[in-house]
Every structure is written in C-alpha cells, then in structure tokens.
Protein backbone atom coordinates (compact mmCIF):
# COMPACT_ATOMS: atom_id res chain seq x y z
CA UNK A 1 5.52 12.16 -14.39
CA UNK A 2 9.29 11.95 -14.27
CA UNK A 3 10.43 10.23 -11.13
CA UNK A 4 7.05 8.70 -10.38
CA UNK A 5 7.03 4.95 -9.75
CA UNK A 6 4.20 2.47 -10.20
CA UNK A 7 1.07 3.73 -8.57
CA UNK A 8 2.39 7.25 -8.06
CA UNK A 9 1.84 10.55 -9.80
CA UNK A 10 4.34 13.38 -9.96
CA UNK A 11 2.55 15.02 -6.98
CA UNK A 12 2.87 11.90 -4.82
CA UNK A 13 -0.85 11.05 -5.07
CA UNK A 14 -1.51 7.44 -5.84
CA UNK A 15 -3.20 6.44 -9.07
CA UNK A 16 -4.06 2.90 -10.14
CA UNK A 17 -1.88 1.23 -12.77
CA UNK A 18 -3.05 -1.44 -15.19
CA UNK A 19 -6.46 -1.59 -13.56
CA UNK A 20 -5.03 -2.97 -10.30
CA UNK A 21 -4.84 -1.65 -6.75
CA UNK A 22 -1.10 -0.95 -6.89
CA UNK A 23 -1.69 2.77 -6.50
CA UNK A 24 -4.48 2.70 -3.96
CA UNK A 25 -4.15 4.87 -0.87
CA UNK A 26 -3.75 3.15 2.49
CA UNK A 27 -5.89 5.59 4.48
CA UNK A 28 -9.09 7.26 3.38
CA UNK A 29 -8.45 10.95 2.75
CA UNK A 30 -8.98 12.95 5.92
CA UNK A 31 -9.37 9.80 8.06
CA UNK A 32 -5.96 8.33 8.97
CA UNK A 33 -7.35 5.19 10.59
CA UNK A 34 -10.02 4.32 8.06
CA UNK A 35 -8.79 2.03 5.31
CA UNK A 36 -9.40 3.28 1.77
CA UNK A 37 -11.04 0.06 0.62
CA UNK A 38 -14.23 0.20 -1.40
CA UNK A 39 -16.58 -2.75 -1.16
CA UNK A 40 -16.14 -5.27 -3.97
CA UNK A 41 -19.05 -7.06 -5.58
CA UNK A 42 -18.53 -10.10 -3.35
CA UNK A 43 -16.74 -8.56 -0.36
CA UNK A 44 -18.06 -7.24 2.93
CA UNK A 45 -15.39 -4.67 3.87
CA UNK A 46 -16.14 -1.05 3.07
CA UNK A 47 -13.60 1.52 4.29
CA UNK A 48 -12.93 -0.39 7.55
CA UNK A 49 -12.00 1.49 10.73
CA UNK A 50 -8.60 0.31 12.02
CA UNK A 51 -7.90 0.19 15.77
CA UNK A 52 -4.51 1.11 17.19
CA UNK A 53 -4.00 -2.51 18.25
CA UNK A 54 -4.76 -3.69 14.70
CA UNK A 55 -2.48 -1.08 13.15
CA UNK A 56 0.36 -1.97 15.52
CA UNK A 57 -0.06 -5.69 14.81
CA UNK A 58 0.01 -5.17 11.04
CA UNK A 59 2.92 -2.73 11.28
CA UNK A 60 4.91 -5.22 13.34
CA UNK A 61 4.32 -8.01 10.82
CA UNK A 62 5.19 -5.80 7.84
CA UNK A 63 8.43 -4.70 9.52
CA UNK A 64 9.55 -8.33 9.70
CA UNK A 65 9.83 -8.44 5.90
CA UNK A 66 13.40 -7.99 4.69
CA UNK A 67 14.09 -6.04 1.50
CA UNK A 68 15.00 -9.25 -0.33
CA UNK A 69 11.72 -10.89 0.68
CA UNK A 70 9.74 -7.90 -0.59
CA UNK A 71 11.74 -7.94 -3.83
CA UNK A 72 11.10 -11.69 -4.22
CA UNK A 73 7.38 -11.18 -3.62
CA UNK A 74 7.07 -8.72 -6.51
CA UNK A 75 9.34 -10.83 -8.71
CA UNK A 76 7.18 -13.92 -8.14
CA UNK A 77 4.05 -11.85 -8.82
CA UNK A 78 5.61 -10.65 -12.11
CA UNK A 79 4.76 -7.09 -11.09
CA UNK A 80 6.90 -5.62 -13.88
CA UNK A 81 4.17 -6.73 -16.29
CA UNK A 82 1.97 -4.03 -14.73
CA UNK A 83 4.59 -1.36 -15.40
CA UNK A 84 7.72 -0.23 -13.62
CA UNK A 85 10.76 -2.10 -12.43
CA UNK A 86 10.65 -4.44 -9.43
CA UNK A 87 12.75 -1.94 -7.45
CA UNK A 88 10.03 0.68 -8.07
CA UNK A 89 7.39 -1.68 -6.69
CA UNK A 90 9.55 -2.37 -3.64
CA UNK A 91 10.00 1.36 -3.05
CA UNK A 92 6.22 1.98 -3.25
CA UNK A 93 5.53 -0.97 -0.91
CA UNK A 94 8.00 0.37 1.63
CA UNK A 95 6.47 3.85 1.43
CA UNK A 96 3.03 2.41 2.09
CA UNK A 97 4.38 0.27 4.92
CA UNK A 98 5.84 3.45 6.44
CA UNK A 99 2.40 5.09 6.27
CA UNK A 100 1.03 2.24 8.37
CA UNK A 101 3.98 2.19 10.77
CA UNK A 102 3.92 5.95 11.44
CA UNK A 103 0.14 6.40 11.74
CA UNK A 104 -1.53 6.54 15.14
CA UNK A 105 -5.11 5.40 15.64
CA UNK A 106 -7.52 5.88 18.51
CA UNK A 107 -7.44 2.96 20.92
C-alpha cells in the first residue's frame, strides 16, 4: 500500500483504520447522492438521500475551511494516533470534500 494515506488503499478505495470511520466512503456505491452511512445502534440515519440544496450548502461550508484550520482540527483530535501523519489526514479530508463539492444531485 505504498503511497496510501489513512483510510485509503493502494487502489484508492477507502478502508477503515483503527476501527473508525476515517476511511468511509462519502457516497454509497452506484448512488452519488446517497450518503454511505449505516444506521448505528442508537441513530436514525440509514444511507440518507442528499438533495442538491443540501449538498451545495455543505460544500459551501466545507470550502470555508482553510488548510490551517483543517490541519488544526486533526491535530486537536490527535488523529496521528489512528495512523498516518496529520498531513495525510488533511489530504484525505480535502479529497472527500472535493467529492462533495464536485457531485451533482437531483433537485
């Protein structure tokens, strides 16, 4: 897996690290506007459908984050304890943010 960061495999598919959701996909496979979010024991969301308005709102908020803020977020969360350097976590976050920004959902 040379070159793969936290939550990534050599083929670019996401795989969980340290039992967390760091490697979870954003979109359910084959359904670009359905979140890949399995229901937890206490939660009520199960692969939620995302509207274009919701996607645009989230994308706009995520784009407000500066690189330093994202870096600080993962530093404060001590993400390196789950494997990988902070810069790797930032890179994966930005890749996932781009997936949200560049997707298009039905209105």
